[in-house]
């Protein structure tokens, strides 16, 4: 096996790939940014990929206001064109979000629905959280990602965060203690993301 075929050489070739860790909640007093940053840091450790936070609160899209369906890519509004460029600049995505009433936040669905082809064939992982792990919201989002023709990774996260984990201001008391049990799954997500992006080059 020559150097060009070794795993390290493949990893080096993927070093330019950027993966967005999407903060999928805009609720006041949200804990989503802290969870997303913790996941991003865990993913980045020893990875040749570049993981970056992408906060939907900063993207600040209105409710879907494009007159034509997204598949046509005939966008009327600059905020849509800007969102299209942002999504197109990433090679993969990790969606982090709370479960609301057995589903995932409307702001995340809205952000997904603004576009269509930009999501196609991009590898994606899902990290939901809730008092029971957010499994119903995770299942719903995985179904939507299939409709967008994204490549959902085999590993997804269902993070259990109970009332005992938060303080009187609804903030996590000890994020490291709460999320540490999921480190092996997070490492698996990075490995699967890297493998999916390597497959794109073959």
Protein backbone atom coordinates (compact mmCIF):
# COMPACT_ATOMS: atom_id res chain seq x y z
CA UNK A 1 0.00 0.00 0.00
CA UNK A 2 1.51 3.34 -1.01
CA UNK A 3 1.22 6.53 1.04
CA UNK A 4 -1.67 7.84 -1.01
CA UNK A 5 -3.78 4.88 0.11
CA UNK A 6 -2.99 4.89 3.81
CA UNK A 7 -5.69 6.01 6.29
CA UNK A 8 -3.51 8.94 7.40
CA UNK A 9 -3.14 10.15 3.84
CA UNK A 10 -6.90 9.83 3.32
CA UNK A 11 -7.50 11.78 6.51
CA UNK A 12 -5.16 14.51 5.33
CA UNK A 13 -7.11 14.81 2.11
CA UNK A 14 -10.28 15.36 4.15
CA UNK A 15 -8.74 18.11 6.28
CA UNK A 16 -10.39 20.80 4.14
CA UNK A 17 -13.89 19.48 4.81
CA UNK A 18 -16.05 21.62 7.07
CA UNK A 19 -18.89 20.05 9.03
CA UNK A 20 -21.56 22.24 10.60
CA UNK A 21 -22.76 21.45 14.10
CA UNK A 22 -26.18 23.08 13.87
CA UNK A 23 -27.71 24.68 16.97
CA UNK A 24 -31.33 23.73 16.32
CA UNK A 25 -33.13 25.80 18.95
CA UNK A 26 -33.67 29.55 19.29
CA UNK A 27 -35.65 29.46 22.53
CA UNK A 28 -34.70 32.00 25.25
CA UNK A 29 -32.72 30.35 28.10
CA UNK A 30 -31.90 27.50 25.69
CA UNK A 31 -29.15 25.05 26.60
CA UNK A 32 -28.67 23.97 22.99
CA UNK A 33 -25.59 26.14 22.24
CA UNK A 34 -23.67 24.68 25.19
CA UNK A 35 -24.59 21.13 24.22
CA UNK A 36 -23.68 21.77 20.57
CA UNK A 37 -20.33 23.29 21.55
CA UNK A 38 -19.56 20.33 23.82
CA UNK A 39 -20.36 17.95 20.97
CA UNK A 40 -18.32 20.03 18.51
CA UNK A 41 -15.31 19.95 20.82
CA UNK A 42 -15.63 16.19 21.32
CA UNK A 43 -15.93 15.64 17.56
CA UNK A 44 -12.96 17.87 16.78
CA UNK A 45 -10.59 16.03 19.10
CA UNK A 46 -8.04 14.21 16.87
CA UNK A 47 -10.26 14.62 13.80
CA UNK A 48 -8.90 15.81 10.44
CA UNK A 49 -12.28 17.39 9.73
CA UNK A 50 -13.17 20.92 10.76
CA UNK A 51 -16.29 21.11 12.92
CA UNK A 52 -17.94 24.54 13.24
CA UNK A 53 -20.97 25.79 15.14
CA UNK A 54 -23.85 27.04 12.99
CA UNK A 55 -26.46 28.73 15.19
CA UNK A 56 -29.91 29.14 13.63
CA UNK A 57 -30.45 32.13 15.91
CA UNK A 58 -27.65 33.89 14.02
CA UNK A 59 -28.97 32.75 10.64
CA UNK A 60 -32.29 34.44 11.58
CA UNK A 61 -34.47 33.18 8.73
CA UNK A 62 -38.10 34.34 8.60
CA UNK A 63 -40.85 31.79 8.25
CA UNK A 64 -40.59 30.30 4.77
CA UNK A 65 -41.43 33.13 2.38
CA UNK A 66 -40.16 31.95 -1.00
CA UNK A 67 -42.92 31.93 -3.64
CA UNK A 68 -41.47 29.00 -5.58
CA UNK A 69 -40.58 25.52 -4.35
CA UNK A 70 -37.02 25.11 -3.15
CA UNK A 71 -36.15 22.43 -5.71
CA UNK A 72 -36.17 25.07 -8.47
CA UNK A 73 -33.45 27.10 -6.72
CA UNK A 74 -35.02 30.31 -8.05
CA UNK A 75 -34.74 32.29 -4.85
CA UNK A 76 -36.40 35.67 -4.58
CA UNK A 77 -34.92 36.77 -1.26
CA UNK A 78 -31.34 37.54 -0.32
CA UNK A 79 -31.71 35.77 3.03
CA UNK A 80 -32.46 32.56 1.11
CA UNK A 81 -29.52 33.02 -1.25
CA UNK A 82 -27.28 33.69 1.74
CA UNK A 83 -28.56 30.55 3.50
CA UNK A 84 -28.00 28.57 0.28
CA UNK A 85 -24.38 29.70 0.15
CA UNK A 86 -23.86 28.84 3.82
CA UNK A 87 -25.29 25.33 3.51
CA UNK A 88 -23.40 24.75 0.27
CA UNK A 89 -20.11 25.61 1.95
CA UNK A 90 -20.34 22.62 4.32
CA UNK A 91 -19.54 19.00 3.50
CA UNK A 92 -21.66 17.51 6.28
CA UNK A 93 -23.95 18.34 9.18
CA UNK A 94 -24.61 17.39 12.80
CA UNK A 95 -28.04 18.60 13.90
CA UNK A 96 -28.38 19.28 17.65
CA UNK A 97 -31.84 20.00 19.04
CA UNK A 98 -34.27 19.48 21.94
CA UNK A 99 -37.41 17.41 21.67
CA UNK A 100 -40.60 19.49 21.86
CA UNK A 101 -43.90 17.64 22.26
CA UNK A 102 -42.53 14.48 20.63
CA UNK A 103 -41.06 16.44 17.74
CA UNK A 104 -38.14 18.72 16.88
CA UNK A 105 -38.17 22.55 16.82
CA UNK A 106 -40.02 24.42 14.12
CA UNK A 107 -37.02 26.68 13.51
CA UNK A 108 -35.01 23.66 12.36
CA UNK A 109 -37.77 22.41 10.03
CA UNK A 110 -38.08 25.92 8.60
CA UNK A 111 -34.32 26.13 7.94
CA UNK A 112 -34.37 22.77 6.20
CA UNK A 113 -37.42 23.61 4.07
CA UNK A 114 -35.91 26.82 2.64
CA UNK A 115 -33.57 24.65 0.54
CA UNK A 116 -33.62 21.30 -1.20
CA UNK A 117 -30.80 20.44 -3.57
CA UNK A 118 -28.20 22.02 -1.28
CA UNK A 119 -28.85 19.24 1.23
CA UNK A 120 -28.62 16.39 -1.29
CA UNK A 121 -26.13 13.61 -0.56
CA UNK A 122 -24.57 15.45 2.38
CA UNK A 123 -23.77 13.11 5.31
CA UNK A 124 -25.65 14.02 8.47
CA UNK A 125 -25.83 12.99 12.11
CA UNK A 126 -28.62 13.75 14.56
CA UNK A 127 -28.26 14.63 18.25
CA UNK A 128 -31.55 15.05 20.07
CA UNK A 129 -32.02 15.58 23.77
CA UNK A 130 -34.80 15.47 26.32
CA UNK A 131 -35.84 13.92 29.62
CA UNK A 132 -36.07 10.55 27.86
CA UNK A 133 -33.46 11.20 25.21
CA UNK A 134 -35.56 12.85 22.53
CA UNK A 135 -36.02 9.65 20.55
CA UNK A 136 -39.29 10.69 18.90
CA UNK A 137 -37.84 13.98 17.67
CA UNK A 138 -34.78 12.10 16.42
CA UNK A 139 -36.98 9.65 14.48
CA UNK A 140 -38.94 12.51 12.89
CA UNK A 141 -35.83 14.38 11.80
CA UNK A 142 -34.23 11.26 10.37
CA UNK A 143 -37.34 10.80 8.22
CA UNK A 144 -37.09 14.40 6.96
CA UNK A 145 -33.40 13.98 6.16
CA UNK A 146 -34.32 10.94 4.07
CA UNK A 147 -36.79 13.12 2.16
CA UNK A 148 -34.01 15.62 1.52
CA UNK A 149 -31.80 12.80 0.20
CA UNK A 150 -29.17 13.32 2.87
CA UNK A 151 -27.02 10.40 4.03
CA UNK A 152 -27.88 9.81 7.67
CA UNK A 153 -25.01 8.19 9.55
CA UNK A 154 -25.60 4.94 11.40
CA UNK A 155 -24.92 6.49 14.80
CA UNK A 156 -27.19 9.14 16.29
CA UNK A 157 -27.42 10.58 19.79
CA UNK A 158 -30.36 10.49 22.18
CA UNK A 159 -29.10 12.56 25.10
CA UNK A 160 -30.95 12.12 28.38
CA UNK A 161 -31.15 15.44 30.23
CA UNK A 162 -33.47 15.42 33.24
CA UNK A 163 -34.68 18.13 35.60
CA UNK A 164 -31.98 17.00 38.02
CA UNK A 165 -29.32 18.04 35.48
CA UNK A 166 -30.39 21.70 35.36
CA UNK A 167 -30.36 24.51 37.92
CA UNK A 168 -33.07 27.00 38.90
CA UNK A 169 -32.35 28.98 35.71
CA UNK A 170 -32.80 25.85 33.57
CA UNK A 171 -29.11 25.75 32.70
CA UNK A 172 -27.02 22.59 32.88
CA UNK A 173 -25.23 22.27 36.21
CA UNK A 174 -22.35 20.13 34.91
CA UNK A 175 -22.36 19.60 31.16
CA UNK A 176 -19.28 17.36 31.27
CA UNK A 177 -20.84 14.98 33.79
CA UNK A 178 -24.13 14.92 31.89
CA UNK A 179 -22.70 14.28 28.42
CA UNK A 180 -19.53 12.31 29.16
CA UNK A 181 -21.32 8.92 28.80
CA UNK A 182 -21.90 9.70 25.11
CA UNK A 183 -18.24 10.28 24.14
CA UNK A 184 -17.84 6.87 22.45
CA UNK A 185 -20.90 7.50 20.28
CA UNK A 186 -19.58 10.93 19.36
CA UNK A 187 -16.26 9.43 18.30
CA UNK A 188 -18.23 6.95 16.17
CA UNK A 189 -20.01 9.85 14.48
CA UNK A 190 -16.69 11.45 13.57
CA UNK A 191 -15.37 8.16 12.17
CA UNK A 192 -18.53 7.62 10.12
CA UNK A 193 -18.52 11.22 8.89
CA UNK A 194 -14.91 10.86 7.77
CA UNK A 195 -15.68 7.56 6.04
CA UNK A 196 -18.68 9.07 4.24
CA UNK A 197 -16.61 12.00 2.99
CA UNK A 198 -13.78 9.72 1.91
CA UNK A 199 -16.29 7.70 -0.11
CA UNK A 200 -17.15 10.88 -2.03
CA UNK A 201 -13.60 10.92 -3.42
CA UNK A 202 -13.60 7.36 -4.70
